[in-house]
Amino acid sequence: MALARALVFEPRVVLMDEPLGALDKHLREQMQLDIRDLHRRLGLTIVFVTHDQSEALTMSDRVAVFNKGNIEQIGTPREVYDAPATRFVAEFIGETNLFEAVVEAVNGEEAVVRLPSGAQITSVVSGSVASGQTVLLSIRPERVELAETRGEAHNVLETEVTDSVYQGDHLRVQLHNSIHPLIAKLGRRSREFAPGTKVFATFAADDCRVIVP
């Protein structure tokens, strides 16, 4: 009702400060779609404030991520999720695997970095980096694939399955080697590896990002 009363005056901008926080999951998701539809049909600007990362990605044409009053990054939902500019954005928007690494070489928009285990990873770079610089490597769990053989993948980490949990729409797999804990999210029809299975975690250069701390 409050939204209807506001729209009667045909405003150019509407501010919504966490309007769906008190709703249950299903109603909240339906209201997200309804507000998106209103935005398209009426052509007005909506400033939507939320602490729900999924809601921010669902609702927005552009997302501004704030941290302690400062803007960490502004971009489309895809830009903010796939190419986080800072550690805060990588950890706050969605889930990520984050490793410390040292840059060994830079080639345009890609860099080769070395993890503490000695593994070399080729990754896309967010920002400007130089050889020898300490950086962070961000890999989204759903970009990680698992196999029992090394295969032809460019980036490979030798790991061991410590746990595997079926969560309906995906399998959440916890992995570890002597240095790097890692989370993988696999499709619901993927093979479920038993704890203790030695596997290779693979991902492409486009599936990870080098972030300047």
N, C-alpha and C. Protein backbone atom coordinates (compact mmCIF):
# COMPACT_ATOMS: atom_id res chain seq x y z
N MET A 1 0.82 -1.20 0.00
CA MET A 1 0.00 0.00 0.00
C MET A 1 0.87 1.27 0.00
N ALA A 2 1.95 1.25 0.78
CA ALA A 2 2.82 2.43 0.84
C ALA A 2 3.40 2.74 -0.53
N LEU A 3 3.77 1.68 -1.28
CA LEU A 3 4.32 1.88 -2.62
C LEU A 3 3.27 2.47 -3.55
N ALA A 4 2.03 1.96 -3.45
CA ALA A 4 0.95 2.47 -4.29
C ALA A 4 0.70 3.95 -4.01
N ARG A 5 0.70 4.34 -2.74
CA ARG A 5 0.48 5.75 -2.40
C ARG A 5 1.60 6.63 -2.95
N ALA A 6 2.83 6.11 -2.92
CA ALA A 6 3.96 6.89 -3.44
C ALA A 6 3.87 7.06 -4.95
N LEU A 7 3.42 6.03 -5.65
CA LEU A 7 3.39 6.07 -7.11
C LEU A 7 2.27 6.96 -7.65
N VAL A 8 1.25 7.23 -6.83
CA VAL A 8 0.15 8.10 -7.26
C VAL A 8 0.67 9.47 -7.68
N PHE A 9 1.73 9.94 -7.03
CA PHE A 9 2.27 11.27 -7.31
C PHE A 9 3.24 11.27 -8.49
N GLU A 10 3.40 10.13 -9.16
CA GLU A 10 4.26 9.99 -10.34
C GLU A 10 5.66 10.54 -10.10
N PRO A 11 6.35 10.02 -9.08
CA PRO A 11 7.71 10.51 -8.78
C PRO A 11 8.69 10.05 -9.84
N ARG A 12 9.79 10.79 -9.97
CA ARG A 12 10.86 10.39 -10.90
C ARG A 12 11.82 9.42 -10.23
N VAL A 13 11.93 9.51 -8.89
CA VAL A 13 12.83 8.64 -8.14
C VAL A 13 12.09 8.11 -6.92
N VAL A 14 12.25 6.80 -6.64
CA VAL A 14 11.67 6.18 -5.46
C VAL A 14 12.79 5.54 -4.65
N LEU A 15 12.86 5.85 -3.37
CA LEU A 15 13.84 5.24 -2.47
C LEU A 15 13.17 4.12 -1.69
N MET A 16 13.73 2.92 -1.76
CA MET A 16 13.23 1.77 -1.01
C MET A 16 14.34 1.28 -0.08
N ASP A 17 14.13 1.46 1.21
CA ASP A 17 15.14 1.10 2.21
C ASP A 17 14.77 -0.25 2.84
N GLU A 18 15.35 -1.32 2.30
CA GLU A 18 15.10 -2.69 2.75
C GLU A 18 13.60 -2.97 2.90
N PRO A 19 12.80 -2.78 1.84
CA PRO A 19 11.34 -2.91 1.95
C PRO A 19 10.85 -4.35 2.12
N LEU A 20 11.69 -5.33 1.77
CA LEU A 20 11.22 -6.72 1.77
C LEU A 20 11.78 -7.53 2.93
N GLY A 21 12.45 -6.87 3.86
CA GLY A 21 13.15 -7.59 4.92
C GLY A 21 12.26 -8.43 5.81
N ALA A 22 11.00 -8.06 5.98
CA ALA A 22 10.11 -8.77 6.91
C ALA A 22 9.33 -9.90 6.24
N LEU A 23 9.51 -10.09 4.94
CA LEU A 23 8.72 -11.09 4.21
C LEU A 23 9.40 -12.45 4.24
N ASP A 24 8.58 -13.52 4.11
CA ASP A 24 9.18 -14.85 4.00
C ASP A 24 9.79 -15.03 2.62
N LYS A 25 10.58 -16.09 2.45
CA LYS A 25 11.41 -16.27 1.26
C LYS A 25 10.59 -16.23 -0.03
N HIS A 26 9.51 -16.98 -0.11
CA HIS A 26 8.76 -17.08 -1.36
C HIS A 26 8.08 -15.76 -1.71
N LEU A 27 7.48 -15.11 -0.71
CA LEU A 27 6.83 -13.82 -0.98
C LEU A 27 7.86 -12.77 -1.34
N ARG A 28 9.01 -12.82 -0.68
CA ARG A 28 10.08 -11.86 -0.97
C ARG A 28 10.54 -11.99 -2.42
N GLU A 29 10.73 -13.22 -2.88
CA GLU A 29 11.18 -13.44 -4.26
C GLU A 29 10.14 -12.98 -5.25
N GLN A 30 8.84 -13.18 -4.95
CA GLN A 30 7.79 -12.72 -5.85
C GLN A 30 7.74 -11.20 -5.90
N MET A 31 7.90 -10.57 -4.74
CA MET A 31 7.88 -9.10 -4.70
C MET A 31 9.08 -8.51 -5.45
N GLN A 32 10.21 -9.19 -5.42
CA GLN A 32 11.37 -8.71 -6.18
C GLN A 32 11.02 -8.63 -7.66
N LEU A 33 10.35 -9.66 -8.17
CA LEU A 33 9.97 -9.68 -9.59
C LEU A 33 8.91 -8.62 -9.88
N ASP A 34 7.98 -8.42 -8.94
CA ASP A 34 6.93 -7.41 -9.14
C ASP A 34 7.52 -6.00 -9.20
N ILE A 35 8.49 -5.72 -8.32
CA ILE A 35 9.12 -4.40 -8.31
C ILE A 35 9.93 -4.19 -9.59
N ARG A 36 10.62 -5.24 -10.04
CA ARG A 36 11.35 -5.15 -11.32
C ARG A 36 10.39 -4.82 -12.46
N ASP A 37 9.22 -5.45 -12.45
CA ASP A 37 8.24 -5.22 -13.50
C ASP A 37 7.71 -3.78 -13.45
N LEU A 38 7.45 -3.27 -12.24
CA LEU A 38 7.02 -1.88 -12.09
C LEU A 38 8.08 -0.92 -12.64
N HIS A 39 9.32 -1.21 -12.32
CA HIS A 39 10.42 -0.37 -12.79
C HIS A 39 10.45 -0.29 -14.31
N ARG A 40 10.27 -1.43 -14.96
CA ARG A 40 10.30 -1.45 -16.43
C ARG A 40 9.09 -0.73 -17.02
N ARG A 41 7.90 -0.97 -16.46
CA ARG A 41 6.68 -0.42 -17.04
C ARG A 41 6.55 1.09 -16.81
N LEU A 42 6.97 1.56 -15.64
CA LEU A 42 6.80 2.98 -15.31
C LEU A 42 8.00 3.82 -15.70
N GLY A 43 9.15 3.19 -15.90
CA GLY A 43 10.33 3.92 -16.33
C GLY A 43 10.90 4.87 -15.30
N LEU A 44 10.65 4.63 -14.02
CA LEU A 44 11.19 5.50 -12.98
C LEU A 44 12.46 4.91 -12.40
N THR A 45 13.23 5.75 -11.73
CA THR A 45 14.46 5.31 -11.08
C THR A 45 14.13 4.83 -9.67
N ILE A 46 14.63 3.64 -9.31
CA ILE A 46 14.43 3.10 -7.96
C ILE A 46 15.79 2.92 -7.31
N VAL A 47 15.99 3.57 -6.18
CA VAL A 47 17.19 3.36 -5.36
C VAL A 47 16.81 2.35 -4.29
N PHE A 48 17.36 1.15 -4.39
CA PHE A 48 16.94 0.03 -3.54
C PHE A 48 18.07 -0.34 -2.60
N VAL A 49 17.85 -0.18 -1.29
CA VAL A 49 18.87 -0.48 -0.28
C VAL A 49 18.61 -1.87 0.28
N THR A 50 19.65 -2.72 0.31
CA THR A 50 19.49 -4.06 0.84
C THR A 50 20.84 -4.59 1.34
N HIS A 51 20.77 -5.45 2.36
CA HIS A 51 21.96 -6.17 2.82
C HIS A 51 21.98 -7.59 2.26
N ASP A 52 20.97 -7.95 1.49
CA ASP A 52 20.87 -9.28 0.90
C ASP A 52 21.58 -9.26 -0.46
N GLN A 53 22.72 -9.97 -0.55
CA GLN A 53 23.52 -9.91 -1.77
C GLN A 53 22.76 -10.47 -2.97
N SER A 54 22.04 -11.57 -2.77
CA SER A 54 21.28 -12.15 -3.87
C SER A 54 20.20 -11.20 -4.36
N GLU A 55 19.56 -10.52 -3.43
CA GLU A 55 18.53 -9.54 -3.78
C GLU A 55 19.12 -8.39 -4.58
N ALA A 56 20.31 -7.94 -4.20
CA ALA A 56 20.97 -6.86 -4.92
C ALA A 56 21.23 -7.26 -6.37
N LEU A 57 21.69 -8.48 -6.58
CA LEU A 57 21.97 -8.94 -7.94
C LEU A 57 20.68 -9.10 -8.74
N THR A 58 19.62 -9.57 -8.08
CA THR A 58 18.34 -9.80 -8.76
C THR A 58 17.67 -8.50 -9.17
N MET A 59 17.72 -7.49 -8.31
CA MET A 59 16.92 -6.29 -8.48
C MET A 59 17.56 -5.22 -9.36
N SER A 60 18.86 -5.25 -9.51
CA SER A 60 19.58 -4.05 -9.96
C SER A 60 19.99 -4.07 -11.43
N ASP A 61 19.98 -2.87 -12.02
CA ASP A 61 20.69 -2.62 -13.28
C ASP A 61 22.14 -2.27 -12.97
N ARG A 62 22.33 -1.52 -11.87
CA ARG A 62 23.67 -1.18 -11.39
C ARG A 62 23.69 -1.35 -9.88
N VAL A 63 24.81 -1.85 -9.37
CA VAL A 63 24.98 -2.11 -7.95
C VAL A 63 26.11 -1.23 -7.42
N ALA A 64 25.88 -0.59 -6.28
CA ALA A 64 26.93 0.13 -5.56
C ALA A 64 27.16 -0.62 -4.25
N VAL A 65 28.39 -1.10 -4.04
CA VAL A 65 28.73 -1.84 -2.83
C VAL A 65 29.41 -0.87 -1.86
N PHE A 66 28.78 -0.67 -0.69
CA PHE A 66 29.31 0.24 0.32
C PHE A 66 30.00 -0.55 1.43
N ASN A 67 31.08 0.02 1.95
CA ASN A 67 31.79 -0.54 3.09
C ASN A 67 32.23 0.59 4.01
N LYS A 68 31.64 0.65 5.20
CA LYS A 68 31.97 1.70 6.18
C LYS A 68 31.81 3.10 5.58
N GLY A 69 30.74 3.28 4.81
CA GLY A 69 30.44 4.59 4.25
C GLY A 69 31.13 4.92 2.95
N ASN A 70 32.03 4.05 2.50
CA ASN A 70 32.74 4.29 1.25
C ASN A 70 32.25 3.32 0.17
N ILE A 71 32.25 3.78 -1.07
CA ILE A 71 31.86 2.92 -2.19
C ILE A 71 33.07 2.09 -2.62
N GLU A 72 32.94 0.78 -2.53
CA GLU A 72 34.02 -0.13 -2.93
C GLU A 72 34.01 -0.39 -4.43
N GLN A 73 32.80 -0.47 -5.01
CA GLN A 73 32.70 -0.74 -6.45
C GLN A 73 31.29 -0.42 -6.93
N ILE A 74 31.20 0.11 -8.14
CA ILE A 74 29.92 0.33 -8.82
C ILE A 74 29.98 -0.37 -10.17
N GLY A 75 28.94 -1.11 -10.50
CA GLY A 75 28.91 -1.79 -11.80
C GLY A 75 27.62 -2.56 -11.97
N THR A 76 27.48 -3.21 -13.09
CA THR A 76 26.34 -4.09 -13.30
C THR A 76 26.46 -5.28 -12.35
N PRO A 77 25.36 -5.99 -12.10
CA PRO A 77 25.45 -7.19 -11.26
C PRO A 77 26.52 -8.17 -11.76
N ARG A 78 26.60 -8.35 -13.06
CA ARG A 78 27.58 -9.28 -13.62
C ARG A 78 29.02 -8.78 -13.37
N GLU A 79 29.24 -7.48 -13.54
CA GLU A 79 30.58 -6.93 -13.31
C GLU A 79 31.00 -7.07 -11.85
N VAL A 80 30.09 -6.75 -10.95
CA VAL A 80 30.42 -6.80 -9.53
C VAL A 80 30.68 -8.23 -9.07
N TYR A 81 29.90 -9.18 -9.60
CA TYR A 81 30.07 -10.58 -9.18
C TYR A 81 31.25 -11.24 -9.86
N ASP A 82 31.37 -11.07 -11.17
CA ASP A 82 32.41 -11.77 -11.93
C ASP A 82 33.77 -11.09 -11.85
N ALA A 83 33.78 -9.79 -11.62
CA ALA A 83 35.06 -9.05 -11.60
C ALA A 83 35.13 -8.16 -10.38
N PRO A 84 35.15 -8.73 -9.17
CA PRO A 84 35.23 -7.90 -7.96
C PRO A 84 36.52 -7.09 -7.94
N ALA A 85 36.39 -5.82 -7.57
CA ALA A 85 37.56 -4.93 -7.60
C ALA A 85 38.36 -5.00 -6.30
N THR A 86 37.73 -5.43 -5.21
CA THR A 86 38.41 -5.46 -3.92
C THR A 86 38.08 -6.76 -3.19
N ARG A 87 38.84 -7.01 -2.14
CA ARG A 87 38.59 -8.19 -1.31
C ARG A 87 37.20 -8.13 -0.69
N PHE A 88 36.80 -6.96 -0.21
CA PHE A 88 35.50 -6.82 0.42
C PHE A 88 34.38 -7.22 -0.54
N VAL A 89 34.44 -6.74 -1.78
CA VAL A 89 33.40 -7.04 -2.76
C VAL A 89 33.39 -8.54 -3.07
N ALA A 90 34.57 -9.13 -3.24
CA ALA A 90 34.65 -10.56 -3.55
C ALA A 90 34.03 -11.41 -2.45
N GLU A 91 34.24 -11.03 -1.20
CA GLU A 91 33.72 -11.82 -0.08
C GLU A 91 32.27 -11.47 0.25
N PHE A 92 31.86 -10.23 0.00
CA PHE A 92 30.51 -9.78 0.38
C PHE A 92 29.46 -10.20 -0.64
N ILE A 93 29.78 -10.09 -1.91
CA ILE A 93 28.82 -10.44 -2.96
C ILE A 93 29.04 -11.90 -3.33
N GLY A 94 28.15 -12.77 -2.87
CA GLY A 94 28.30 -14.20 -3.14
C GLY A 94 29.37 -14.82 -2.26
N GLU A 95 29.84 -15.99 -2.68
CA GLU A 95 30.87 -16.72 -1.95
C GLU A 95 32.08 -16.88 -2.85
N THR A 96 33.26 -16.86 -2.27
CA THR A 96 34.47 -17.00 -3.08
C THR A 96 35.55 -17.76 -2.32
N ASN A 97 36.44 -18.38 -3.08
CA ASN A 97 37.69 -18.91 -2.54
C ASN A 97 38.74 -17.83 -2.73
N LEU A 98 39.46 -17.49 -1.66
CA LEU A 98 40.40 -16.39 -1.72
C LEU A 98 41.77 -16.86 -1.24
N PHE A 99 42.79 -16.72 -2.10
CA PHE A 99 44.14 -17.15 -1.78
C PHE A 99 45.12 -15.98 -1.91
N GLU A 100 46.11 -15.96 -1.05
CA GLU A 100 47.21 -15.02 -1.23
C GLU A 100 48.15 -15.59 -2.29
N ALA A 101 48.70 -14.73 -3.13
CA ALA A 101 49.58 -15.17 -4.22
C ALA A 101 50.58 -14.08 -4.54
N VAL A 102 51.62 -14.46 -5.30
CA VAL A 102 52.63 -13.51 -5.75
C VAL A 102 52.65 -13.49 -7.27
N VAL A 103 52.63 -12.30 -7.86
CA VAL A 103 52.62 -12.16 -9.32
C VAL A 103 53.99 -12.54 -9.88
N GLU A 104 53.99 -13.44 -10.87
CA GLU A 104 55.23 -13.84 -11.52
C GLU A 104 55.40 -13.19 -12.88
N ALA A 105 54.29 -12.95 -13.56
CA ALA A 105 54.36 -12.32 -14.89
C ALA A 105 53.01 -11.69 -15.21
N VAL A 106 53.05 -10.63 -16.01
CA VAL A 106 51.84 -9.94 -16.43
C VAL A 106 51.83 -9.87 -17.94
N ASN A 107 50.70 -10.26 -18.54
CA ASN A 107 50.56 -10.22 -20.00
C ASN A 107 49.20 -9.61 -20.34
N GLY A 108 49.19 -8.29 -20.53
CA GLY A 108 47.94 -7.61 -20.82
C GLY A 108 46.98 -7.68 -19.65
N GLU A 109 45.80 -8.28 -19.87
CA GLU A 109 44.78 -8.37 -18.84
C GLU A 109 44.89 -9.66 -18.02
N GLU A 110 45.93 -10.45 -18.26
CA GLU A 110 46.14 -11.68 -17.51
C GLU A 110 47.46 -11.63 -16.75
N ALA A 111 47.51 -12.39 -15.66
CA ALA A 111 48.73 -12.49 -14.88
C ALA A 111 48.94 -13.94 -14.47
N VAL A 112 50.20 -14.34 -14.37
CA VAL A 112 50.55 -15.64 -13.81
C VAL A 112 50.97 -15.40 -12.37
N VAL A 113 50.30 -16.09 -11.43
CA VAL A 113 50.62 -15.92 -10.02
C VAL A 113 51.02 -17.28 -9.43
N ARG A 114 51.80 -17.21 -8.36
CA ARG A 114 52.22 -18.44 -7.68
C ARG A 114 51.61 -18.46 -6.28
N LEU A 115 50.94 -19.58 -5.96
CA LEU A 115 50.35 -19.76 -4.64
C LEU A 115 51.41 -20.24 -3.66
N PRO A 116 51.15 -20.17 -2.35
CA PRO A 116 52.13 -20.65 -1.36
C PRO A 116 52.55 -22.10 -1.55
N SER A 117 51.68 -22.91 -2.15
CA SER A 117 52.02 -24.31 -2.40
C SER A 117 53.00 -24.47 -3.55
N GLY A 118 53.20 -23.40 -4.33
CA GLY A 118 54.05 -23.47 -5.51
C GLY A 118 53.28 -23.59 -6.80
N ALA A 119 51.97 -23.83 -6.72
CA ALA A 119 51.14 -23.96 -7.92
C ALA A 119 51.08 -22.64 -8.67
N GLN A 120 51.20 -22.70 -9.99
CA GLN A 120 51.07 -21.51 -10.83
C GLN A 120 49.66 -21.44 -11.39
N ILE A 121 49.08 -20.25 -11.33
CA ILE A 121 47.72 -20.02 -11.80
C ILE A 121 47.72 -18.83 -12.75
N THR A 122 47.05 -18.99 -13.89
CA THR A 122 46.84 -17.88 -14.81
C THR A 122 45.45 -17.31 -14.59
N SER A 123 45.36 -15.99 -14.41
CA SER A 123 44.09 -15.37 -14.04
C SER A 123 43.94 -14.02 -14.72
N VAL A 124 42.69 -13.61 -14.89
CA VAL A 124 42.38 -12.25 -15.31
C VAL A 124 42.68 -11.32 -14.13
N VAL A 125 43.09 -10.09 -14.44
CA VAL A 125 43.49 -9.12 -13.40
C VAL A 125 42.42 -8.05 -13.24
N SER A 126 42.06 -7.75 -11.98
CA SER A 126 41.24 -6.59 -11.67
C SER A 126 42.16 -5.50 -11.14
N GLY A 127 42.45 -4.50 -11.97
CA GLY A 127 43.37 -3.44 -11.56
C GLY A 127 44.74 -3.62 -12.17
N SER A 128 45.70 -2.83 -11.70
CA SER A 128 47.06 -2.85 -12.22
C SER A 128 47.99 -3.56 -11.24
N VAL A 129 48.76 -4.53 -11.73
CA VAL A 129 49.70 -5.27 -10.88
C VAL A 129 51.06 -5.34 -11.56
N ALA A 130 52.07 -5.68 -10.75
CA ALA A 130 53.44 -5.79 -11.27
C ALA A 130 54.08 -7.06 -10.76
N SER A 131 55.06 -7.54 -11.49
CA SER A 131 55.77 -8.75 -11.10
C SER A 131 56.37 -8.60 -9.71
N GLY A 132 56.21 -9.64 -8.88
CA GLY A 132 56.72 -9.62 -7.51
C GLY A 132 55.73 -9.10 -6.49
N GLN A 133 54.61 -8.56 -6.95
CA GLN A 133 53.62 -7.98 -6.04
C GLN A 133 52.79 -9.07 -5.37
N THR A 134 52.47 -8.90 -4.10
CA THR A 134 51.58 -9.81 -3.38
C THR A 134 50.14 -9.39 -3.64
N VAL A 135 49.32 -10.36 -4.07
CA VAL A 135 47.94 -10.08 -4.45
C VAL A 135 47.04 -11.16 -3.85
N LEU A 136 45.76 -11.05 -4.18
CA LEU A 136 44.78 -12.07 -3.80
C LEU A 136 44.20 -12.69 -5.06
N LEU A 137 43.92 -13.99 -5.00
CA LEU A 137 43.31 -14.71 -6.12
C LEU A 137 41.91 -15.14 -5.68
N SER A 138 40.90 -14.70 -6.43
CA SER A 138 39.51 -15.01 -6.11
C SER A 138 38.94 -15.99 -7.14
N ILE A 139 38.35 -17.11 -6.64
CA ILE A 139 37.75 -18.11 -7.51
C ILE A 139 36.37 -18.45 -6.96
N ARG A 140 35.32 -18.18 -7.72
CA ARG A 140 33.97 -18.51 -7.29
C ARG A 140 33.79 -20.03 -7.24
N PRO A 141 33.13 -20.57 -6.21
CA PRO A 141 33.00 -22.02 -6.06
C PRO A 141 32.33 -22.73 -7.24
N GLU A 142 31.37 -22.06 -7.89
CA GLU A 142 30.67 -22.70 -9.01
C GLU A 142 31.52 -22.76 -10.27
N ARG A 143 32.67 -22.07 -10.29
CA ARG A 143 33.56 -22.12 -11.45
C ARG A 143 34.58 -23.28 -11.34
N VAL A 144 34.60 -23.94 -10.20
CA VAL A 144 35.57 -25.03 -9.98
C VAL A 144 34.97 -26.35 -10.46
N GLU A 145 35.73 -27.09 -11.26
CA GLU A 145 35.32 -28.43 -11.69
C GLU A 145 36.27 -29.46 -11.07
N LEU A 146 35.76 -30.67 -10.86
CA LEU A 146 36.54 -31.72 -10.23
C LEU A 146 36.66 -32.93 -11.13
N ALA A 147 37.83 -33.55 -11.11
CA ALA A 147 38.07 -34.76 -11.90
C ALA A 147 39.15 -35.58 -11.20
N GLU A 148 39.17 -36.87 -11.50
CA GLU A 148 40.17 -37.75 -10.90
C GLU A 148 41.45 -37.80 -11.72
N THR A 149 41.41 -37.21 -12.91
CA THR A 149 42.62 -37.11 -13.74
C THR A 149 42.90 -35.64 -14.03
N ARG A 150 44.15 -35.30 -14.29
CA ARG A 150 44.54 -33.91 -14.49
C ARG A 150 43.89 -33.31 -15.73
N GLY A 151 43.79 -34.07 -16.80
CA GLY A 151 43.17 -33.57 -18.02
C GLY A 151 43.98 -32.46 -18.68
N GLU A 152 43.29 -31.64 -19.47
CA GLU A 152 43.96 -30.59 -20.24
C GLU A 152 43.71 -29.19 -19.69
N ALA A 153 43.14 -29.09 -18.52
CA ALA A 153 42.82 -27.77 -17.95
C ALA A 153 44.09 -26.96 -17.72
N HIS A 154 43.98 -25.64 -17.89
CA HIS A 154 45.15 -24.78 -17.73
C HIS A 154 45.52 -24.61 -16.26
N ASN A 155 44.52 -24.37 -15.41
CA ASN A 155 44.76 -24.19 -13.98
C ASN A 155 44.31 -25.43 -13.22
N VAL A 156 45.22 -26.02 -12.47
CA VAL A 156 44.93 -27.28 -11.77
C VAL A 156 45.49 -27.21 -10.35
N LEU A 157 44.67 -27.61 -9.38
CA LEU A 157 45.12 -27.76 -8.00
C LEU A 157 44.84 -29.20 -7.55
N GLU A 158 45.85 -29.87 -7.04
CA GLU A 158 45.66 -31.22 -6.52
C GLU A 158 45.08 -31.11 -5.11
N THR A 159 43.92 -31.73 -4.90
CA THR A 159 43.21 -31.59 -3.63
C THR A 159 42.64 -32.94 -3.18
N GLU A 160 42.05 -32.91 -2.00
CA GLU A 160 41.38 -34.09 -1.45
C GLU A 160 40.02 -33.67 -0.92
N VAL A 161 39.00 -34.47 -1.21
CA VAL A 161 37.65 -34.19 -0.73
C VAL A 161 37.57 -34.44 0.77
N THR A 162 37.11 -33.46 1.53
CA THR A 162 36.92 -33.64 2.96
C THR A 162 35.44 -33.80 3.32
N ASP A 163 34.53 -33.26 2.48
CA ASP A 163 33.10 -33.42 2.73
C ASP A 163 32.34 -33.07 1.47
N SER A 164 31.15 -33.65 1.33
CA SER A 164 30.30 -33.37 0.18
C SER A 164 28.85 -33.33 0.67
N VAL A 165 28.15 -32.22 0.41
CA VAL A 165 26.81 -32.04 0.92
C VAL A 165 25.85 -31.77 -0.24
N TYR A 166 24.78 -32.56 -0.33
CA TYR A 166 23.75 -32.35 -1.34
C TYR A 166 22.81 -31.26 -0.86
N GLN A 167 22.70 -30.17 -1.64
CA GLN A 167 21.88 -29.03 -1.23
C GLN A 167 20.77 -28.74 -2.21
N GLY A 168 20.24 -29.78 -2.84
CA GLY A 168 19.09 -29.63 -3.72
C GLY A 168 19.47 -29.25 -5.13
N ASP A 169 19.83 -27.98 -5.33
CA ASP A 169 20.17 -27.53 -6.68
C ASP A 169 21.65 -27.66 -6.99
N HIS A 170 22.47 -28.07 -6.00
CA HIS A 170 23.89 -28.26 -6.26
C HIS A 170 24.52 -29.13 -5.18
N LEU A 171 25.73 -29.59 -5.48
CA LEU A 171 26.55 -30.28 -4.49
C LEU A 171 27.61 -29.30 -3.99
N ARG A 172 27.72 -29.20 -2.68
CA ARG A 172 28.75 -28.35 -2.09
C ARG A 172 29.87 -29.25 -1.60
N VAL A 173 31.06 -29.11 -2.20
CA VAL A 173 32.18 -30.01 -1.91
C VAL A 173 33.29 -29.22 -1.23
N GLN A 174 33.71 -29.69 -0.08
CA GLN A 174 34.84 -29.09 0.62
C GLN A 174 36.09 -29.88 0.29
N LEU A 175 37.15 -29.13 -0.06
CA LEU A 175 38.41 -29.74 -0.49
C LEU A 175 39.56 -29.16 0.30
N HIS A 176 40.68 -29.90 0.31
CA HIS A 176 41.85 -29.40 1.03
C HIS A 176 43.08 -30.12 0.52
N ASN A 177 44.20 -29.39 0.50
CA ASN A 177 45.51 -30.04 0.39
C ASN A 177 46.33 -29.53 1.58
N SER A 178 47.61 -29.62 1.51
CA SER A 178 48.41 -29.25 2.68
C SER A 178 48.34 -27.76 3.00
N ILE A 179 47.90 -26.93 2.04
CA ILE A 179 47.90 -25.48 2.24
C ILE A 179 46.55 -24.84 1.94
N HIS A 180 45.89 -25.25 0.84
CA HIS A 180 44.74 -24.51 0.34
C HIS A 180 43.41 -25.21 0.63
N PRO A 181 42.55 -24.68 1.52
CA PRO A 181 41.16 -25.14 1.57
C PRO A 181 40.42 -24.58 0.36
N LEU A 182 39.44 -25.28 -0.14
CA LEU A 182 38.75 -24.88 -1.36
C LEU A 182 37.32 -25.39 -1.31
N ILE A 183 36.38 -24.58 -1.80
CA ILE A 183 34.98 -24.97 -1.91
C ILE A 183 34.61 -25.05 -3.39
N ALA A 184 33.92 -26.12 -3.78
CA ALA A 184 33.40 -26.25 -5.14
C ALA A 184 31.89 -26.46 -5.07
N LYS A 185 31.17 -25.82 -5.97
CA LYS A 185 29.73 -26.04 -6.10
C LYS A 185 29.49 -26.69 -7.45
N LEU A 186 29.03 -27.94 -7.43
CA LEU A 186 28.83 -28.71 -8.65
C LEU A 186 27.35 -28.85 -8.95
N GLY A 187 27.02 -29.09 -10.20
CA GLY A 187 25.63 -29.32 -10.59
C GLY A 187 25.04 -30.51 -9.84
N ARG A 188 23.73 -30.46 -9.65
CA ARG A 188 23.07 -31.48 -8.82
C ARG A 188 23.20 -32.89 -9.38
N ARG A 189 23.48 -33.03 -10.66
CA ARG A 189 23.64 -34.36 -11.26
C ARG A 189 25.11 -34.78 -11.34
N SER A 190 26.00 -33.97 -10.76
CA SER A 190 27.42 -34.30 -10.80
C SER A 190 27.72 -35.51 -9.93
N ARG A 191 28.81 -36.15 -10.22
CA ARG A 191 29.26 -37.26 -9.40
C ARG A 191 29.59 -36.77 -8.00
N GLU A 192 29.20 -37.55 -6.99
CA GLU A 192 29.48 -37.20 -5.61
C GLU A 192 30.71 -37.99 -5.14
N PHE A 193 31.80 -37.29 -4.89
CA PHE A 193 33.04 -37.93 -4.46
C PHE A 193 33.01 -38.18 -2.96
N ALA A 194 33.48 -39.34 -2.55
CA ALA A 194 33.52 -39.69 -1.14
C ALA A 194 34.66 -38.94 -0.45
N PRO A 195 34.50 -38.62 0.84
CA PRO A 195 35.60 -38.00 1.59
C PRO A 195 36.87 -38.85 1.50
N GLY A 196 38.00 -38.19 1.33
CA GLY A 196 39.27 -38.89 1.19
C GLY A 196 39.69 -39.12 -0.25
N THR A 197 38.77 -38.86 -1.22
CA THR A 197 39.10 -39.05 -2.64
C THR A 197 40.05 -37.96 -3.11
N LYS A 198 41.12 -38.38 -3.77
CA LYS A 198 42.05 -37.43 -4.36
C LYS A 198 41.48 -36.95 -5.70
N VAL A 199 41.36 -35.64 -5.86
CA VAL A 199 40.79 -35.09 -7.09
C VAL A 199 41.62 -33.89 -7.54
N PHE A 200 41.41 -33.51 -8.80
CA PHE A 200 42.03 -32.32 -9.37
C PHE A 200 40.94 -31.25 -9.51
N ALA A 201 41.16 -30.10 -8.89
CA ALA A 201 40.26 -28.96 -9.03
C ALA A 201 40.77 -28.11 -10.19
N THR A 202 39.93 -27.89 -11.18
CA THR A 202 40.36 -27.18 -12.38
C THR A 202 39.45 -25.98 -12.65
N PHE A 203 40.02 -24.96 -13.31
CA PHE A 203 39.26 -23.78 -13.68
C PHE A 203 40.07 -23.00 -14.71
N ALA A 204 39.38 -22.22 -15.52
CA ALA A 204 40.02 -21.44 -16.58
C ALA A 204 40.50 -20.10 -16.03
N ALA A 205 41.33 -19.43 -16.82
CA ALA A 205 41.82 -18.10 -16.41
C ALA A 205 40.67 -17.12 -16.25
N ASP A 206 39.64 -17.24 -17.11
CA ASP A 206 38.48 -16.34 -17.02
C ASP A 206 37.62 -16.62 -15.80
N ASP A 207 37.85 -17.73 -15.12
CA ASP A 207 37.04 -18.11 -13.97
C ASP A 207 37.59 -17.59 -12.66
N CYS A 208 38.71 -16.88 -12.68
CA CYS A 208 39.30 -16.36 -11.44
C CYS A 208 39.77 -14.92 -11.69
N ARG A 209 40.03 -14.22 -10.60
CA ARG A 209 40.43 -12.82 -10.68
C ARG A 209 41.58 -12.55 -9.72
N VAL A 210 42.58 -11.83 -10.19
CA VAL A 210 43.63 -11.32 -9.32
C VAL A 210 43.16 -9.96 -8.80
N ILE A 211 43.19 -9.80 -7.47
CA ILE A 211 42.73 -8.59 -6.82
C ILE A 211 43.88 -7.95 -6.05
N VAL A 212 44.03 -6.65 -6.18
CA VAL A 212 45.04 -5.94 -5.41
C VAL A 212 44.50 -5.71 -4.00
N PRO A 213 45.19 -6.17 -2.96
CA PRO A 213 44.67 -6.03 -1.59
C PRO A 213 44.48 -4.57 -1.19
